[in-house]
């Protein structure tokens, strides 16, 4: 029995879960999400304990694999509609900045040849179901990095879009310039030192 799959998923206050065949629909304060459960997994609603449980249909290899997967997806879905998911990113570097114009995130991270008169090096359309909030603008001149938040109900969408932004310019180890997640540890390296008389 999967240690993850056998754990019940508690339904928090304000969230409703509806099961229709293999489709599970969750509604909550943050929105609505649905999931078509993988084969070999059966989802049941335990109204007495106010939770949902995942049962395995058989002991085949695929069913065992889908048992824990289904439970994890359902837990993410319930958490997403009740609390939501978020990733906070920071942009370090002189002149590096970001801004939100409508549903497009504009990012400048030092690639001067990419501007071509557009005003920003990267223009990323914000996916449906994802929200971007610019919390701090590096243009204020207080030597603090630009900071923005990616949030939404779908953990996969939030993580994917944050990863796409993060990959535009990964933080280099010498000056620490680039895009990083909040709390990300960058292993710094020392540059070449000039020796006397050399």
C-alpha atoms as a PDB file:
ATOM      1  CA  UNK A   1       0.000   0.000   0.000  1.00  0.00           C
ATOM      2  CA  UNK A   2       1.325   3.419  -0.963  1.00  0.00           C
ATOM      3  CA  UNK A   3       2.191   5.476   2.115  1.00  0.00           C
ATOM      4  CA  UNK A   4       1.096   8.609   0.276  1.00  0.00           C
ATOM      5  CA  UNK A   5      -1.954   7.078  -1.392  1.00  0.00           C
ATOM      6  CA  UNK A   6      -3.519   5.754   1.793  1.00  0.00           C
ATOM      7  CA  UNK A   7      -3.563   9.173   3.499  1.00  0.00           C
ATOM      8  CA  UNK A   8      -6.984  10.864   3.355  1.00  0.00           C
ATOM      9  CA  UNK A   9      -7.258  14.364   1.887  1.00  0.00           C
ATOM     10  CA  UNK A  10      -9.040  16.636   4.360  1.00  0.00           C
ATOM     11  CA  UNK A  11     -11.561  19.064   2.907  1.00  0.00           C
ATOM     12  CA  UNK A  12     -11.134  22.502   4.525  1.00  0.00           C
ATOM     13  CA  UNK A  13     -13.978  24.843   5.362  1.00  0.00           C
ATOM     14  CA  UNK A  14     -15.390  26.616   2.316  1.00  0.00           C
ATOM     15  CA  UNK A  15     -14.355  23.889  -0.139  1.00  0.00           C
ATOM     16  CA  UNK A  16     -16.764  21.468  -1.808  1.00  0.00           C
ATOM     17  CA  UNK A  17     -15.752  18.348  -3.715  1.00  0.00           C
ATOM     18  CA  UNK A  18     -17.961  16.595  -6.246  1.00  0.00           C
ATOM     19  CA  UNK A  19     -17.169  13.164  -7.693  1.00  0.00           C
ATOM     20  CA  UNK A  20     -18.752  12.163 -11.002  1.00  0.00           C
ATOM     21  CA  UNK A  21     -17.309   8.878 -12.235  1.00  0.00           C
ATOM     22  CA  UNK A  22     -13.599   9.437 -12.795  1.00  0.00           C
ATOM     23  CA  UNK A  23     -13.885  13.230 -12.665  1.00  0.00           C
ATOM     24  CA  UNK A  24     -13.337  15.105  -9.398  1.00  0.00           C
ATOM     25  CA  UNK A  25     -14.359  18.772  -9.195  1.00  0.00           C
ATOM     26  CA  UNK A  26     -13.258  21.033  -6.329  1.00  0.00           C
ATOM     27  CA  UNK A  27     -14.705  24.486  -5.690  1.00  0.00           C
ATOM     28  CA  UNK A  28     -13.376  26.949  -3.147  1.00  0.00           C
ATOM     29  CA  UNK A  29     -12.672  30.608  -2.353  1.00  0.00           C
ATOM     30  CA  UNK A  30      -9.815  30.758  -4.885  1.00  0.00           C
ATOM     31  CA  UNK A  31     -11.681  29.171  -7.790  1.00  0.00           C
ATOM     32  CA  UNK A  32     -12.533  25.797  -9.283  1.00  0.00           C
ATOM     33  CA  UNK A  33     -10.374  22.900 -10.508  1.00  0.00           C
ATOM     34  CA  UNK A  34     -11.179  19.501 -11.969  1.00  0.00           C
ATOM     35  CA  UNK A  35      -9.207  16.296 -12.345  1.00  0.00           C
ATOM     36  CA  UNK A  36      -9.787  13.155 -14.366  1.00  0.00           C
ATOM     37  CA  UNK A  37      -8.342  10.467 -12.156  1.00  0.00           C
ATOM     38  CA  UNK A  38      -5.817   8.030 -13.662  1.00  0.00           C
ATOM     39  CA  UNK A  39      -6.843   4.448 -14.303  1.00  0.00           C
ATOM     40  CA  UNK A  40      -6.597   2.039 -11.389  1.00  0.00           C
ATOM     41  CA  UNK A  41      -7.536   4.635  -8.764  1.00  0.00           C
ATOM     42  CA  UNK A  42     -10.986   5.144  -7.288  1.00  0.00           C
ATOM     43  CA  UNK A  43     -11.882   8.296  -5.350  1.00  0.00           C
ATOM     44  CA  UNK A  44     -14.529   8.128  -2.622  1.00  0.00           C
ATOM     45  CA  UNK A  45     -15.969  10.908  -0.477  1.00  0.00           C
ATOM     46  CA  UNK A  46     -16.068  10.209   3.253  1.00  0.00           C
ATOM     47  CA  UNK A  47     -18.751  12.630   4.449  1.00  0.00           C
ATOM     48  CA  UNK A  48     -18.474  11.514   8.073  1.00  0.00           C
ATOM     49  CA  UNK A  49     -14.783  12.431   8.267  1.00  0.00           C
ATOM     50  CA  UNK A  50     -15.161  15.283   5.708  1.00  0.00           C
ATOM     51  CA  UNK A  51     -12.362  13.988   3.526  1.00  0.00           C
ATOM     52  CA  UNK A  52     -11.721  12.138   0.275  1.00  0.00           C
ATOM     53  CA  UNK A  53      -9.883   8.856   0.021  1.00  0.00           C
ATOM     54  CA  UNK A  54      -8.169   7.104  -2.868  1.00  0.00           C
ATOM     55  CA  UNK A  55      -8.618   3.342  -3.225  1.00  0.00           C
ATOM     56  CA  UNK A  56      -6.616   1.084  -5.487  1.00  0.00           C
ATOM     57  CA  UNK A  57      -8.621  -1.023  -7.912  1.00  0.00           C
ATOM     58  CA  UNK A  58      -6.023  -3.823  -8.109  1.00  0.00           C
ATOM     59  CA  UNK A  59      -2.371  -4.527  -7.372  1.00  0.00           C
ATOM     60  CA  UNK A  60      -0.987  -4.056 -10.868  1.00  0.00           C
ATOM     61  CA  UNK A  61       2.170  -2.013 -11.267  1.00  0.00           C
ATOM     62  CA  UNK A  62       0.296   0.849 -12.957  1.00  0.00           C
ATOM     63  CA  UNK A  63      -2.395   0.949 -10.280  1.00  0.00           C
ATOM     64  CA  UNK A  64       0.227   1.050  -7.531  1.00  0.00           C
ATOM     65  CA  UNK A  65       1.978   3.923  -9.295  1.00  0.00           C
ATOM     66  CA  UNK A  66      -1.263   5.850  -9.828  1.00  0.00           C
ATOM     67  CA  UNK A  67      -2.390   5.388  -6.218  1.00  0.00           C
ATOM     68  CA  UNK A  68       0.013   7.895  -4.663  1.00  0.00           C
ATOM     69  CA  UNK A  69      -0.056  10.115  -7.753  1.00  0.00           C
ATOM     70  CA  UNK A  70      -3.830  10.516  -7.606  1.00  0.00           C
ATOM     71  CA  UNK A  71      -3.786  11.356  -3.905  1.00  0.00           C
ATOM     72  CA  UNK A  72      -1.040  13.977  -4.450  1.00  0.00           C
ATOM     73  CA  UNK A  73      -2.934  15.581  -7.340  1.00  0.00           C
ATOM     74  CA  UNK A  74      -6.135  15.735  -5.302  1.00  0.00           C
ATOM     75  CA  UNK A  75      -4.321  17.250  -2.313  1.00  0.00           C
ATOM     76  CA  UNK A  76      -2.811  19.929  -4.582  1.00  0.00           C
ATOM     77  CA  UNK A  77      -6.209  20.623  -6.101  1.00  0.00           C
ATOM     78  CA  UNK A  78      -7.922  21.066  -2.727  1.00  0.00           C
ATOM     79  CA  UNK A  79      -5.084  23.262  -1.452  1.00  0.00           C
ATOM     80  CA  UNK A  80      -5.187  25.314  -4.643  1.00  0.00           C
ATOM     81  CA  UNK A  81      -8.884  26.213  -4.451  1.00  0.00           C
ATOM     82  CA  UNK A  82      -8.696  26.926  -0.715  1.00  0.00           C
ATOM     83  CA  UNK A  83      -5.346  28.695  -0.266  1.00  0.00           C
ATOM     84  CA  UNK A  84      -3.649  28.846  -3.669  1.00  0.00           C
ATOM     85  CA  UNK A  85       0.002  28.466  -4.665  1.00  0.00           C
ATOM     86  CA  UNK A  86       2.624  31.145  -5.118  1.00  0.00           C
ATOM     87  CA  UNK A  87       6.243  31.584  -6.146  1.00  0.00           C
ATOM     88  CA  UNK A  88       8.151  34.759  -5.360  1.00  0.00           C
ATOM     89  CA  UNK A  89      11.077  35.700  -7.619  1.00  0.00           C
ATOM     90  CA  UNK A  90      13.721  38.402  -7.367  1.00  0.00           C
ATOM     91  CA  UNK A  91      15.843  40.041 -10.075  1.00  0.00           C
ATOM     92  CA  UNK A  92      19.380  41.070  -9.094  1.00  0.00           C
ATOM     93  CA  UNK A  93      21.557  43.285 -11.267  1.00  0.00           C
ATOM     94  CA  UNK A  94      22.078  46.939 -12.137  1.00  0.00           C
ATOM     95  CA  UNK A  95      19.439  47.978 -14.638  1.00  0.00           C
ATOM     96  CA  UNK A  96      17.616  44.656 -14.370  1.00  0.00           C
ATOM     97  CA  UNK A  97      13.918  45.147 -13.910  1.00  0.00           C
ATOM     98  CA  UNK A  98      10.410  43.897 -14.630  1.00  0.00           C
ATOM     99  CA  UNK A  99       6.987  45.421 -15.191  1.00  0.00           C
ATOM    100  CA  UNK A 100       3.478  44.201 -15.850  1.00  0.00           C
ATOM    101  CA  UNK A 101       1.535  45.699 -18.750  1.00  0.00           C
ATOM    102  CA  UNK A 102      -1.933  44.229 -18.987  1.00  0.00           C
ATOM    103  CA  UNK A 103      -1.495  40.448 -19.133  1.00  0.00           C
ATOM    104  CA  UNK A 104       2.140  40.602 -20.302  1.00  0.00           C
ATOM    105  CA  UNK A 105       5.208  40.491 -18.058  1.00  0.00           C
ATOM    106  CA  UNK A 106       8.129  42.557 -19.380  1.00  0.00           C
ATOM    107  CA  UNK A 107      11.571  41.528 -18.141  1.00  0.00           C
ATOM    108  CA  UNK A 108      14.917  43.297 -18.655  1.00  0.00           C
ATOM    109  CA  UNK A 109      17.918  41.224 -17.574  1.00  0.00           C
ATOM    110  CA  UNK A 110      20.945  42.679 -19.332  1.00  0.00           C
ATOM    111  CA  UNK A 111      20.646  41.290 -22.854  1.00  0.00           C
ATOM    112  CA  UNK A 112      21.016  44.622 -24.659  1.00  0.00           C
ATOM    113  CA  UNK A 113      20.924  43.068 -28.129  1.00  0.00           C
ATOM    114  CA  UNK A 114      17.437  41.680 -27.568  1.00  0.00           C
ATOM    115  CA  UNK A 115      15.687  45.027 -27.139  1.00  0.00           C
ATOM    116  CA  UNK A 116      15.506  46.041 -30.783  1.00  0.00           C
ATOM    117  CA  UNK A 117      13.618  49.183 -29.788  1.00  0.00           C
ATOM    118  CA  UNK A 118      10.843  47.305 -27.968  1.00  0.00           C
ATOM    119  CA  UNK A 119      11.761  48.619 -24.520  1.00  0.00           C
ATOM    120  CA  UNK A 120      12.121  45.169 -22.917  1.00  0.00           C
ATOM    121  CA  UNK A 121      14.132  42.072 -23.714  1.00  0.00           C
ATOM    122  CA  UNK A 122      11.457  39.496 -22.862  1.00  0.00           C
ATOM    123  CA  UNK A 123       7.681  39.798 -23.128  1.00  0.00           C
ATOM    124  CA  UNK A 124       5.911  36.860 -21.483  1.00  0.00           C
ATOM    125  CA  UNK A 125       2.129  36.481 -21.797  1.00  0.00           C
ATOM    126  CA  UNK A 126       0.697  35.500 -18.403  1.00  0.00           C
ATOM    127  CA  UNK A 127      -1.154  32.161 -18.783  1.00  0.00           C
ATOM    128  CA  UNK A 128      -4.851  31.857 -17.982  1.00  0.00           C
ATOM    129  CA  UNK A 129      -5.381  30.988 -14.322  1.00  0.00           C
ATOM    130  CA  UNK A 130      -2.088  32.612 -13.275  1.00  0.00           C
ATOM    131  CA  UNK A 131      -1.642  36.068 -11.736  1.00  0.00           C
ATOM    132  CA  UNK A 132       1.567  38.106 -11.556  1.00  0.00           C
ATOM    133  CA  UNK A 133       2.003  40.905  -9.002  1.00  0.00           C
ATOM    134  CA  UNK A 134       5.058  43.209  -9.181  1.00  0.00           C
ATOM    135  CA  UNK A 135       5.805  43.869  -5.505  1.00  0.00           C
ATOM    136  CA  UNK A 136       8.974  45.934  -5.809  1.00  0.00           C
ATOM    137  CA  UNK A 137      10.354  47.905  -8.750  1.00  0.00           C
ATOM    138  CA  UNK A 138      14.139  48.208  -8.994  1.00  0.00           C
ATOM    139  CA  UNK A 139      13.666  51.642 -10.608  1.00  0.00           C
ATOM    140  CA  UNK A 140      13.082  53.105  -7.119  1.00  0.00           C
ATOM    141  CA  UNK A 141      16.853  53.284  -6.682  1.00  0.00           C
ATOM    142  CA  UNK A 142      17.032  51.834  -3.151  1.00  0.00           C
ATOM    143  CA  UNK A 143      19.478  49.072  -4.188  1.00  0.00           C
ATOM    144  CA  UNK A 144      16.844  46.427  -3.496  1.00  0.00           C
ATOM    145  CA  UNK A 145      16.182  43.801  -6.192  1.00  0.00           C
ATOM    146  CA  UNK A 146      13.006  43.890  -8.254  1.00  0.00           C
ATOM    147  CA  UNK A 147      10.535  41.406  -6.801  1.00  0.00           C
ATOM    148  CA  UNK A 148       7.356  39.870  -8.146  1.00  0.00           C
ATOM    149  CA  UNK A 149       4.896  37.156  -7.229  1.00  0.00           C
ATOM    150  CA  UNK A 150       3.461  34.406  -9.425  1.00  0.00           C
ATOM    151  CA  UNK A 151       0.304  32.893  -7.953  1.00  0.00           C
ATOM    152  CA  UNK A 152      -2.748  30.831  -8.865  1.00  0.00           C
ATOM    153  CA  UNK A 153      -4.856  27.805  -7.985  1.00  0.00           C
ATOM    154  CA  UNK A 154      -3.090  25.280 -10.232  1.00  0.00           C
ATOM    155  CA  UNK A 155       0.270  24.248  -8.791  1.00  0.00           C
ATOM    156  CA  UNK A 156       1.548  22.967 -12.145  1.00  0.00           C
ATOM    157  CA  UNK A 157       0.742  26.213 -13.990  1.00  0.00           C
ATOM    158  CA  UNK A 158       2.256  28.409 -11.280  1.00  0.00           C
ATOM    159  CA  UNK A 159       5.436  26.323 -11.088  1.00  0.00           C
ATOM    160  CA  UNK A 160       5.792  26.076 -14.877  1.00  0.00           C
ATOM    161  CA  UNK A 161       5.449  29.816 -15.500  1.00  0.00           C
ATOM    162  CA  UNK A 162       7.803  30.649 -12.614  1.00  0.00           C
ATOM    163  CA  UNK A 163      10.351  28.190 -14.029  1.00  0.00           C
ATOM    164  CA  UNK A 164      10.106  29.795 -17.485  1.00  0.00           C
ATOM    165  CA  UNK A 165      10.841  33.210 -15.982  1.00  0.00           C
ATOM    166  CA  UNK A 166      13.651  31.795 -13.825  1.00  0.00           C
ATOM    167  CA  UNK A 167      15.322  30.249 -16.883  1.00  0.00           C
ATOM    168  CA  UNK A 168      15.561  33.583 -18.739  1.00  0.00           C
ATOM    169  CA  UNK A 169      18.713  34.459 -16.825  1.00  0.00           C
ATOM    170  CA  UNK A 170      19.862  32.092 -14.117  1.00  0.00           C
ATOM    171  CA  UNK A 171      21.915  33.716 -11.375  1.00  0.00           C
ATOM    172  CA  UNK A 172      25.623  33.674 -12.176  1.00  0.00           C
ATOM    173  CA  UNK A 173      27.981  32.745  -9.282  1.00  0.00           C
ATOM    174  CA  UNK A 174      30.461  35.667  -9.399  1.00  0.00           C
ATOM    175  CA  UNK A 175      28.353  38.830  -8.981  1.00  0.00           C
ATOM    176  CA  UNK A 176      25.066  37.121  -8.215  1.00  0.00           C
ATOM    177  CA  UNK A 177      23.245  38.797 -11.119  1.00  0.00           C
ATOM    178  CA  UNK A 178      20.163  37.129 -12.532  1.00  0.00           C
ATOM    179  CA  UNK A 179      16.734  35.824 -11.561  1.00  0.00           C
ATOM    180  CA  UNK A 180      16.319  33.734  -8.433  1.00  0.00           C
ATOM    181  CA  UNK A 181      13.543  32.322  -6.293  1.00  0.00           C
ATOM    182  CA  UNK A 182      13.058  33.918  -2.899  1.00  0.00           C
ATOM    183  CA  UNK A 183      15.265  32.032  -0.457  1.00  0.00           C
ATOM    184  CA  UNK A 184      17.270  30.331  -3.225  1.00  0.00           C
ATOM    185  CA  UNK A 185      20.858  29.801  -2.124  1.00  0.00           C
ATOM    186  CA  UNK A 186      23.451  30.777  -4.713  1.00  0.00           C
ATOM    187  CA  UNK A 187      26.889  29.253  -4.273  1.00  0.00           C
ATOM    188  CA  UNK A 188      29.168  32.204  -4.923  1.00  0.00           C
ATOM    189  CA  UNK A 189      32.614  31.987  -6.492  1.00  0.00           C
ATOM    190  CA  UNK A 190      35.544  34.308  -6.132  1.00  0.00           C
ATOM    191  CA  UNK A 191      36.840  35.943  -9.305  1.00  0.00           C
ATOM    192  CA  UNK A 192      40.452  35.873 -10.394  1.00  0.00           C
ATOM    193  CA  UNK A 193      42.630  37.967  -8.090  1.00  0.00           C
ATOM    194  CA  UNK A 194      45.395  40.163  -9.513  1.00  0.00           C
ATOM    195  CA  UNK A 195      48.784  39.375  -7.983  1.00  0.00           C
ATOM    196  CA  UNK A 196      51.301  42.076  -7.185  1.00  0.00           C
ATOM    197  CA  UNK A 197      53.763  42.586 -10.022  1.00  0.00           C
ATOM    198  CA  UNK A 198      51.790  40.231 -12.195  1.00  0.00           C
END
